[in-house]
C-alpha cells in the first residue's frame, strides 16, 4: 500500500495523468482527457495514462 492516509492517496493519484510519449505529469479532469481536449504541455501529444500506484519495497 503506497499511502495509508486517504487524503495523501487522493493528492498523489487522483486526477494525475502521465503523457505516453514524454512522461510529463499533469493534473486534469478525466472527462477532458478522455475526450482528447487537453494536449501535453511539453510535446503536444493527446495520449495519457493514469498514474499507477507505486509499490515500494521495504529495505
Protein backbone atom coordinates (compact mmCIF):
# COMPACT_ATOMS: atom_id res chain seq x y z
CA UNK A 1 0.00 0.00 0.00
CA UNK A 2 1.59 3.24 -1.06
CA UNK A 3 -0.40 5.65 1.10
CA UNK A 4 -2.25 4.72 4.28
CA UNK A 5 -3.84 8.13 4.64
CA UNK A 6 -6.78 8.65 2.24
CA UNK A 7 -6.07 12.37 1.83
CA UNK A 8 -2.49 11.62 0.79
CA UNK A 9 -3.62 8.97 -1.71
CA UNK A 10 -6.11 11.41 -3.22
CA UNK A 11 -3.45 14.09 -3.54
CA UNK A 12 -0.91 11.75 -5.13
CA UNK A 13 -3.09 9.75 -7.51
CA UNK A 14 -6.43 11.41 -8.25
CA UNK A 15 -6.65 13.39 -11.50
CA UNK A 16 -2.94 12.76 -12.25
CA UNK A 17 -2.12 11.74 -15.84
CA UNK A 18 1.18 10.78 -17.47
CA UNK A 19 1.97 11.51 -21.13
CA UNK A 20 2.71 8.30 -23.02
CA UNK A 21 5.36 9.94 -25.19
CA UNK A 22 7.43 12.22 -22.94
CA UNK A 23 6.32 11.07 -19.43
CA UNK A 24 5.26 14.59 -18.38
CA UNK A 25 2.91 14.54 -15.38
CA UNK A 26 -0.18 16.77 -15.46
CA UNK A 27 -3.30 17.15 -13.35
CA UNK A 28 -6.55 17.39 -15.32
CA UNK A 29 -10.18 16.29 -15.35
CA UNK A 30 -10.69 12.73 -16.58
CA UNK A 31 -13.57 13.62 -18.92
CA UNK A 32 -11.42 16.18 -20.74
CA UNK A 33 -8.55 13.70 -21.02
CA UNK A 34 -10.83 11.01 -22.47
CA UNK A 35 -12.33 13.48 -24.95
CA UNK A 36 -8.86 14.46 -26.14
CA UNK A 37 -9.31 18.13 -25.29
CA UNK A 38 -6.07 18.51 -23.34
CA UNK A 39 -2.68 18.24 -25.07
CA UNK A 40 0.59 17.58 -23.29
CA UNK A 41 2.24 20.93 -22.44
CA UNK A 42 5.67 19.53 -23.32
CA UNK A 43 5.19 17.55 -26.56
CA UNK A 44 1.60 18.20 -27.68
CA UNK A 45 0.56 14.53 -27.61
CA UNK A 46 -3.01 13.75 -26.50
CA UNK A 47 -2.39 10.19 -25.27
CA UNK A 48 -2.27 9.90 -21.48
CA UNK A 49 -2.37 7.14 -18.90
CA UNK A 50 -3.32 7.29 -15.25
CA UNK A 51 -0.59 7.36 -12.65
CA UNK A 52 -0.05 3.86 -11.35
CA UNK A 53 0.22 3.31 -7.64
CA UNK A 54 3.84 2.56 -6.90
CA UNK A 55 4.87 -0.47 -4.91
CA UNK A 56 7.75 0.26 -2.62
CA UNK A 57 9.93 -2.45 -1.21
CA UNK A 58 10.99 -2.24 2.42
CA UNK A 59 14.72 -2.32 2.94
